[in-house]
Protein backbone atom coordinates (compact mmCIF):
# COMPACT_ATOMS: atom_id res chain seq x y z
CA MET A 1 -110.40 -202.18 171.66
CA VAL A 2 -112.93 -199.23 171.84
CA THR A 3 -114.96 -199.51 174.84
CA PRO A 4 -119.00 -199.80 174.82
CA THR A 5 -119.26 -196.43 176.57
CA SER A 6 -117.22 -194.67 173.87
CA ALA A 7 -118.78 -196.30 171.05
CA ARG A 8 -122.24 -194.78 172.02
CA ARG A 9 -120.68 -191.41 171.58
CA SER A 10 -121.24 -189.93 168.00
CA ARG A 11 -117.37 -188.63 167.81
CA PRO A 12 -115.39 -190.72 170.95
CA ALA A 13 -111.85 -189.12 171.71
CA ALA A 14 -109.35 -190.60 170.10
CA SER A 15 -108.30 -193.73 172.37
CA VAL A 16 -104.74 -195.43 172.73
CA HIS A 17 -104.04 -198.86 173.14
CA SER A 18 -101.39 -201.71 172.80
CA VAL A 19 -101.81 -205.23 171.44
CA ALA A 20 -99.42 -208.33 171.28
CA LEU A 21 -99.19 -209.32 167.83
CA GLY A 22 -97.07 -212.70 168.04
CA ALA A 23 -93.76 -211.35 168.99
CA GLN A 24 -94.40 -207.88 168.32
CA THR A 25 -96.30 -205.34 170.61
CA LEU A 26 -98.05 -202.35 168.43
CA ARG A 27 -99.24 -199.26 170.15
CA TYR A 28 -102.60 -197.98 168.03
CA ARG A 29 -105.22 -195.16 168.25
CA VAL A 30 -108.38 -195.46 167.13
CA ALA A 31 -109.90 -191.65 166.18
CA GLY A 32 -113.23 -190.33 164.91
CA PRO A 33 -116.47 -191.52 164.79
CA ALA A 34 -117.48 -195.39 165.89
CA GLY A 35 -120.00 -195.82 163.71
CA ALA A 36 -118.66 -194.41 160.85
CA ALA A 37 -119.36 -196.08 157.41
CA ARG A 38 -115.76 -195.75 156.18
CA THR A 39 -112.70 -196.66 158.22
CA VAL A 40 -109.25 -195.39 157.13
CA LEU A 41 -105.91 -197.04 158.11
CA LEU A 42 -103.13 -194.51 158.26
CA PHE A 43 -99.32 -195.87 157.71
CA ASN A 44 -97.25 -192.77 159.00
CA GLY A 45 -93.80 -191.54 157.80
CA ILE A 46 -90.64 -192.68 159.04
CA GLY A 47 -89.84 -191.79 162.44
CA ALA A 48 -93.57 -190.55 163.15
CA SER A 49 -95.17 -191.54 166.14
CA LEU A 50 -99.30 -191.25 167.12
CA GLU A 51 -98.71 -187.94 168.64
CA THR A 52 -97.20 -186.62 165.57
CA ALA A 53 -100.19 -187.93 163.48
CA ALA A 54 -102.81 -186.51 166.02
CA PRO A 55 -103.79 -183.00 164.16
CA PHE A 56 -104.17 -185.58 161.15
CA LEU A 57 -106.20 -188.11 163.03
CA ALA A 58 -108.44 -185.27 164.56
CA SER A 59 -109.32 -183.36 160.79
CA PHE A 60 -111.62 -186.54 159.84
CA ARG A 61 -115.37 -185.81 159.88
CA SER A 62 -116.81 -188.82 158.77
CA ALA A 63 -114.58 -191.66 158.66
CA ARG A 64 -112.95 -193.72 161.57
CA VAL A 65 -109.07 -193.45 161.58
CA ILE A 66 -106.67 -196.31 162.63
CA ALA A 67 -103.10 -195.19 163.40
CA PHE A 68 -100.27 -197.07 164.98
CA ASP A 69 -96.55 -196.82 165.89
CA ALA A 70 -94.33 -198.50 163.80
CA PRO A 71 -91.82 -201.13 165.25
CA GLY A 72 -89.40 -199.05 167.10
CA VAL A 73 -91.02 -196.00 166.79
CA GLY A 74 -93.27 -194.30 169.92
CA ALA A 75 -94.28 -197.01 172.24
CA SER A 76 -93.86 -199.97 169.69
CA PRO A 77 -90.75 -201.54 170.74
CA ALA A 78 -88.02 -202.23 168.20
CA PRO A 79 -88.14 -206.16 167.30
CA LEU A 80 -84.38 -208.10 167.80
CA LEU A 81 -83.95 -208.01 164.32
CA PRO A 82 -84.67 -205.62 161.41
CA TYR A 83 -87.38 -206.26 159.22
CA ARG A 84 -88.99 -205.71 155.54
CA LEU A 85 -91.94 -203.82 154.46
CA ARG A 86 -93.81 -206.96 154.07
CA GLU A 87 -93.64 -207.61 157.99
CA VAL A 88 -95.29 -203.93 158.74
CA ALA A 89 -98.23 -205.04 155.94
CA ARG A 90 -98.72 -208.46 157.90
CA LEU A 91 -98.67 -206.48 161.01
CA ALA A 92 -101.26 -204.01 160.21
CA ALA A 93 -103.87 -206.96 158.82
CA ALA A 94 -103.47 -208.70 162.26
CA LEU A 95 -104.24 -205.47 164.09
CA LEU A 96 -107.51 -205.21 161.75
CA ASP A 97 -108.25 -208.87 162.49
CA HIS A 98 -107.66 -207.66 166.26
CA LEU A 99 -110.35 -204.91 165.91
CA GLY A 100 -112.65 -207.07 163.72
CA ILE A 101 -112.22 -204.85 160.85
CA ALA A 102 -112.44 -206.70 157.18
CA THR A 103 -111.57 -203.50 154.48
CA VAL A 104 -110.25 -200.16 154.93
CA ASP A 105 -109.09 -197.14 152.93
CA VAL A 106 -105.60 -197.20 153.27
CA VAL A 107 -103.60 -194.01 153.54
CA GLY A 108 -99.51 -193.81 152.91
CA VAL A 109 -97.14 -191.28 154.29
CA SER A 110 -93.90 -191.15 152.48
CA TRP A 111 -92.11 -194.25 154.22
CA GLY A 112 -95.54 -195.19 155.29
CA GLY A 113 -96.39 -194.69 151.52
CA ALA A 114 -94.34 -197.83 150.72
CA ALA A 115 -95.69 -199.66 153.57
CA ALA A 116 -99.26 -198.91 152.16
CA GLN A 117 -98.72 -199.92 148.54
CA GLU A 118 -97.12 -203.36 150.03
CA PHE A 119 -100.45 -203.77 152.19
CA ALA A 120 -102.82 -203.07 148.94
CA LEU A 121 -100.44 -205.71 147.18
CA ARG A 122 -100.53 -208.34 149.67
CA HIS A 123 -103.88 -207.70 151.12
CA PRO A 124 -106.40 -206.81 148.22
CA GLN A 125 -109.12 -207.52 149.71
CA ARG A 126 -108.89 -205.46 152.53
CA CYS A 127 -108.01 -202.65 150.74
CA ALA A 128 -111.41 -200.53 149.58
CA THR A 129 -109.21 -197.14 148.45
CA LEU A 130 -105.72 -196.29 148.52
CA THR A 131 -104.25 -192.85 149.18
CA LEU A 132 -100.46 -192.26 148.84
CA ALA A 133 -98.78 -188.83 149.94
CA ALA A 134 -95.39 -188.12 149.06
CA SER A 135 -94.54 -191.30 148.08
CA ALA A 136 -92.54 -193.12 145.18
CA ALA A 137 -91.81 -196.69 144.13
CA GLY A 138 -88.59 -197.31 145.82
CA LEU A 139 -85.66 -197.68 143.93
CA VAL A 140 -87.52 -196.05 140.67
CA LEU A 141 -87.32 -192.54 143.12
CA LEU A 142 -86.31 -190.02 140.57
CA PRO A 143 -84.29 -187.48 142.67
CA VAL A 144 -84.51 -184.06 140.38
CA VAL A 145 -87.49 -182.36 139.03
CA PRO A 146 -88.61 -181.93 135.50
CA LEU A 147 -85.74 -179.43 133.81
CA PRO A 148 -88.41 -176.77 132.94
CA THR A 149 -89.01 -176.13 136.91
CA LEU A 150 -85.51 -177.34 137.64
CA THR A 151 -83.89 -173.86 139.38
CA PRO A 152 -81.94 -173.13 142.19
CA LEU A 153 -84.71 -171.07 143.65
CA ASN A 154 -87.01 -173.51 143.09
CA TRP A 155 -84.45 -176.40 144.93
CA TRP A 156 -83.76 -173.87 147.65
CA THR A 157 -87.46 -172.79 148.38
CA GLY A 158 -88.26 -176.52 148.60
CA MET A 159 -85.13 -177.18 151.56
CA PHE A 160 -86.47 -173.99 153.04
CA ARG A 161 -89.93 -175.28 153.43
CA LEU A 162 -89.19 -178.86 154.30
CA ALA A 163 -86.73 -177.69 157.23
CA GLN A 164 -89.40 -175.26 158.23
CA ASP A 165 -91.94 -178.63 158.29
CA VAL A 166 -89.38 -180.78 160.31
CA LEU A 167 -88.99 -178.16 163.16
CA GLN A 168 -93.03 -177.42 163.38
CA VAL A 169 -93.81 -181.52 163.09
CA HIS A 170 -90.88 -182.19 165.91
CA ALA A 171 -91.58 -179.49 167.93
CA GLU A 172 -95.52 -180.92 168.35
CA ALA A 173 -94.65 -184.26 168.95
CA LEU A 174 -94.33 -185.48 172.11
CA THR A 175 -92.33 -188.41 171.43
CA HIS A 176 -89.21 -189.42 169.00
CA PRO A 177 -88.32 -192.45 167.30
CA SER A 178 -84.82 -194.46 169.21
CA PRO A 179 -81.89 -194.60 166.61
CA HIS A 180 -82.65 -198.32 166.58
CA GLY A 181 -85.98 -198.17 165.45
CA TRP A 182 -85.05 -195.12 162.81
CA LEU A 183 -82.28 -197.65 161.48
CA TYR A 184 -85.09 -200.35 161.20
CA GLN A 185 -87.06 -198.34 159.18
CA LEU A 186 -84.71 -197.08 156.90
CA LEU A 187 -83.53 -201.05 156.41
CA ALA A 188 -87.11 -201.92 155.95
CA LEU A 189 -87.00 -199.40 152.69
CA TRP A 190 -84.05 -200.51 151.74
CA GLY A 191 -83.63 -202.33 148.17
CA TRP A 192 -87.47 -202.16 148.07
CA THR A 193 -89.45 -201.39 145.12
CA SER A 194 -92.92 -201.90 144.06
CA TRP A 195 -92.74 -200.50 140.13
CA HIS A 196 -93.06 -203.97 138.41
CA ARG A 197 -96.08 -204.85 140.69
CA LEU A 198 -98.16 -201.64 140.82
CA HIS A 199 -100.15 -202.92 137.72
CA GLN A 200 -101.58 -205.61 140.35
CA VAL A 201 -103.50 -202.78 142.51
CA ARG A 202 -106.67 -202.93 141.88
CA ALA A 203 -108.24 -200.48 144.27
CA PRO A 204 -109.05 -196.77 143.11
CA THR A 205 -105.56 -194.46 143.92
CA LEU A 206 -105.26 -190.86 144.90
CA VAL A 207 -101.77 -190.04 144.45
CA LEU A 208 -100.97 -186.68 146.58
CA MET A 209 -97.54 -184.42 145.65
CA ALA A 210 -96.59 -181.32 147.06
CA GLY A 211 -94.99 -179.09 144.59
CA ASP A 212 -92.15 -178.12 146.96
CA ASP A 213 -91.00 -181.20 147.78
CA PRO A 214 -87.47 -181.92 147.44
CA ILE A 215 -87.28 -185.24 148.89
CA VAL A 216 -89.88 -186.82 146.20
CA PRO A 217 -90.41 -184.50 143.64
CA VAL A 218 -93.71 -184.60 141.79
CA VAL A 219 -92.66 -186.41 138.76
CA ASN A 220 -92.57 -189.51 141.15
CA GLY A 221 -96.51 -189.45 141.82
CA HIS A 222 -96.94 -189.52 137.76
CA VAL A 223 -94.41 -192.36 137.62
CA VAL A 224 -96.65 -194.27 140.56
CA ALA A 225 -99.89 -193.37 138.97
CA ALA A 226 -98.99 -194.32 135.62
CA ARG A 227 -98.27 -198.42 136.87
CA MET A 228 -101.78 -198.05 138.03
CA PRO A 229 -105.12 -199.21 136.29
CA ASP A 230 -107.23 -196.64 138.24
CA ALA A 231 -105.00 -193.75 139.77
CA ILE A 232 -105.16 -190.22 139.92
CA VAL A 233 -102.15 -187.36 140.87
CA GLU A 234 -102.96 -184.22 142.62
CA THR A 235 -100.45 -181.70 143.78
CA VAL A 236 -101.12 -179.66 146.86
CA ALA A 237 -99.47 -176.47 148.15
CA GLY A 238 -96.72 -177.42 150.68
CA GLY A 239 -93.52 -179.61 151.56
CA HIS A 240 -92.99 -183.01 151.80
CA LEU A 241 -94.68 -183.17 155.44
CA PHE A 242 -97.92 -181.37 154.21
CA MET A 243 -99.75 -183.94 155.42
CA LEU A 244 -98.99 -182.95 158.96
CA THR A 245 -98.52 -179.33 158.24
CA ARG A 246 -101.85 -178.94 156.36
CA PRO A 247 -104.17 -181.58 158.04
CA ALA A 248 -107.29 -180.43 157.78
CA GLU A 249 -106.90 -179.79 154.16
CA THR A 250 -105.36 -182.82 153.70
CA ALA A 251 -108.11 -184.84 155.22
CA ARG A 252 -110.52 -183.07 153.42
CA ARG A 253 -109.19 -184.23 150.04
CA ILE A 254 -109.20 -187.69 151.02
CA GLU A 255 -112.24 -188.01 152.19
CA ASP A 256 -113.80 -186.20 149.31
CA PHE A 257 -111.84 -189.07 147.27
CA LEU A 258 -113.60 -191.60 149.15
CA ALA A 259 -116.93 -189.98 148.74
CA ALA A 260 -116.57 -190.28 144.70
CA HIS A 261 -115.69 -194.21 145.19
CA PRO A 262 -118.60 -195.62 147.60
CA LEU A 263 -118.07 -199.28 149.41
CA PRO A 264 -119.36 -202.01 147.62
CA ALA A 265 -123.04 -202.95 148.56
């Protein structure tokens, strides 16, 4: 938990803790102003630890941010058996219970976008808004960009940018996922889709997609948003890991979205 001393500061340094939630231990980080009116819950991308996400967490100006290492990533040990995304959503809800937080603004990135969708579907009363970055609806993922923009030059430009992003992010990260943990994250996504359930998401949703993303092309963001009752799509510069390579710009977009959707009185 955040100590009373740090809670009195206007912007405390990020604090890292571990908590046992049943059989699973999660390492989590709390960053940002302790007295903030909004709390952002981040579901990170595949293999991404708290260290990887640190620049993004530090970029929020007015919101408190909570992030955690998924099972098998960073300092969160891998469970004995593979898990599904619903288990990630359950662990996130249990972490919020531990912290005494009822409602959050959910942000999910890539793999974490799938987990964030699962959280919004299974815990709608706790999800004030939803932001999906470089995310898709699972099995409905479209592997190609629209034909008017599908050229060898565009594809290779996107792949080159992705390679640069991966090198930068992993060079700055202090820990790396274990092969065991990485496999479990892949298995959690295997066969998963939200497409037939997205109409149930009532939270206002911001879908951020990168123009140079060869992994999850922009069209997938439109597929997701079209299935939701209250969603908008915005395209940003950069590649698949834009949230990590452009953390300040991404955080600003999200906080502007939160400001446009006040919490209920």
